[in-house]
């Protein structure tokens, strides 16, 4: 299975690690997208499913509404992470940043993503410092 090209530029020393379909939870709303892990950061990129583009105005409206939900977190800013549940789904990743902000993601195929996150040097060094 090949990984799609990241929709953002990588820094010269940065490497793409893993990508998984996911949903970002904010309050009671959820935004569908992809969660990208690089050696330096975590990037959530919202997506609008192709079926909504069959009605171009609906697709455009959903794209405009989802665009502000893009999120980029440096791995060094993450102070804690844990696995939690969302209803019956046990694949919720709960992250807290050094600013005290909490981010929640429901991740498809959780275990490989969590393993890759836990082994990133930028993330491991931050976890030791806290």
Protein backbone atom coordinates (compact mmCIF):
# COMPACT_ATOMS: atom_id res chain seq x y z
CA UNK A 1 0.00 0.00 0.00
CA UNK A 2 1.60 3.27 -1.06
CA UNK A 3 1.19 6.40 1.02
CA UNK A 4 -0.16 9.44 -0.81
CA UNK A 5 2.11 12.47 -1.14
CA UNK A 6 1.77 14.87 1.78
CA UNK A 7 -0.22 18.03 0.90
CA UNK A 8 2.36 20.21 2.62
CA UNK A 9 6.07 20.88 2.22
CA UNK A 10 8.57 19.03 4.39
CA UNK A 11 11.55 20.80 5.95
CA UNK A 12 14.95 19.60 4.65
CA UNK A 13 15.61 17.47 7.76
CA UNK A 14 12.00 16.28 8.10
CA UNK A 15 10.76 12.88 6.96
CA UNK A 16 7.26 11.54 6.40
CA UNK A 17 6.56 8.65 8.81
CA UNK A 18 2.92 7.55 8.54
CA UNK A 19 -0.52 8.77 7.44
CA UNK A 20 -3.92 7.49 8.58
CA UNK A 21 -7.51 8.49 7.83
CA UNK A 22 -8.88 10.20 10.91
CA UNK A 23 -11.41 12.56 12.37
CA UNK A 24 -10.67 15.62 14.47
CA UNK A 25 -13.08 16.12 17.37
CA UNK A 26 -13.84 19.65 18.51
CA UNK A 27 -16.63 19.86 21.04
CA UNK A 28 -19.52 17.90 19.55
CA UNK A 29 -18.38 18.22 15.92
CA UNK A 30 -16.06 15.96 13.97
CA UNK A 31 -14.11 16.85 10.83
CA UNK A 32 -12.99 14.06 8.49
CA UNK A 33 -9.46 14.12 7.21
CA UNK A 34 -6.03 12.58 7.29
CA UNK A 35 -3.53 12.67 10.11
CA UNK A 36 0.08 12.89 8.93
CA UNK A 37 3.02 12.15 11.19
CA UNK A 38 6.44 13.42 10.24
CA UNK A 39 9.67 13.27 12.21
CA UNK A 40 8.98 16.80 13.51
CA UNK A 41 5.21 17.41 13.55
CA UNK A 42 1.68 16.09 13.46
CA UNK A 43 -0.54 17.55 10.71
CA UNK A 44 -4.31 17.10 10.41
CA UNK A 45 -5.53 17.88 6.88
CA UNK A 46 -9.33 18.00 6.44
CA UNK A 47 -10.80 16.35 3.34
CA UNK A 48 -14.15 16.57 1.57
CA UNK A 49 -15.21 13.20 0.21
CA UNK A 50 -15.56 12.98 -3.57
CA UNK A 51 -19.28 12.21 -3.41
CA UNK A 52 -19.97 15.76 -2.16
CA UNK A 53 -18.26 17.18 -5.24
CA UNK A 54 -21.01 15.64 -7.42
CA UNK A 55 -22.98 18.73 -6.39
CA UNK A 56 -20.20 21.32 -6.88
CA UNK A 57 -21.74 24.00 -4.65
CA UNK A 58 -22.11 21.51 -1.78
CA UNK A 59 -18.51 20.33 -2.22
CA UNK A 60 -17.22 23.89 -2.33
CA UNK A 61 -19.21 24.88 0.76
CA UNK A 62 -17.94 21.86 2.73
CA UNK A 63 -14.38 22.54 1.59
CA UNK A 64 -14.62 26.18 2.75
CA UNK A 65 -16.07 25.10 6.10
CA UNK A 66 -13.45 22.38 6.68
CA UNK A 67 -10.39 24.38 5.59
CA UNK A 68 -9.94 26.26 8.93
CA UNK A 69 -9.80 22.90 10.76
CA UNK A 70 -6.28 22.19 9.44
CA UNK A 71 -4.00 21.68 12.41
CA UNK A 72 -0.25 21.48 12.76
CA UNK A 73 1.39 20.45 16.06
CA UNK A 74 5.16 20.30 16.57
CA UNK A 75 6.00 17.02 18.31
CA UNK A 76 8.04 18.97 20.86
CA UNK A 77 4.87 20.84 21.93
CA UNK A 78 2.98 17.65 22.89
CA UNK A 79 3.25 17.09 26.65
CA UNK A 80 0.94 14.09 27.05
CA UNK A 81 -0.93 11.55 24.98
CA UNK A 82 -3.23 8.65 25.75
CA UNK A 83 -5.66 6.28 24.13
CA UNK A 84 -9.31 6.79 24.97
CA UNK A 85 -12.71 5.81 23.60
CA UNK A 86 -15.25 7.70 21.53
CA UNK A 87 -18.54 5.90 22.03
CA UNK A 88 -17.76 2.30 21.16
CA UNK A 89 -14.69 3.22 19.14
CA UNK A 90 -11.51 2.59 21.19
CA UNK A 91 -9.28 4.47 18.72
CA UNK A 92 -9.30 7.99 20.16
CA UNK A 93 -5.92 9.70 20.50
CA UNK A 94 -6.02 12.45 23.13
CA UNK A 95 -3.10 14.91 22.99
CA UNK A 96 -2.29 17.81 25.33
CA UNK A 97 0.15 20.56 24.33
CA UNK A 98 2.47 22.65 26.47
CA UNK A 99 -0.12 25.46 26.28
CA UNK A 100 -2.69 23.18 27.97
CA UNK A 101 -4.78 22.78 24.81
CA UNK A 102 -6.30 19.34 24.23
CA UNK A 103 -6.70 17.83 20.75
CA UNK A 104 -8.65 14.63 20.01
CA UNK A 105 -8.40 12.43 16.93
CA UNK A 106 -10.25 9.24 16.02
CA UNK A 107 -7.68 7.28 14.01
CA UNK A 108 -8.27 4.41 11.61
CA UNK A 109 -5.78 1.59 12.33
CA UNK A 110 -4.69 3.16 15.63
CA UNK A 111 -1.89 0.85 16.81
CA UNK A 112 0.64 1.42 13.97
CA UNK A 113 0.10 5.17 14.21
CA UNK A 114 0.52 5.26 18.02
CA UNK A 115 3.65 3.10 17.78
CA UNK A 116 5.16 5.38 15.13
CA UNK A 117 4.34 8.47 17.23
CA UNK A 118 5.90 6.99 20.38
CA UNK A 119 9.16 6.18 18.57
CA UNK A 120 9.82 9.64 17.07
CA UNK A 121 12.96 11.21 18.62
CA UNK A 122 11.37 14.69 18.83
CA UNK A 123 8.39 13.23 20.69
CA UNK A 124 10.44 10.92 22.95
CA UNK A 125 12.78 13.74 24.05
CA UNK A 126 9.76 15.92 24.99
CA UNK A 127 8.16 13.06 26.91
CA UNK A 128 11.35 12.58 28.95
CA UNK A 129 11.58 16.30 29.74
CA UNK A 130 8.04 16.48 31.18
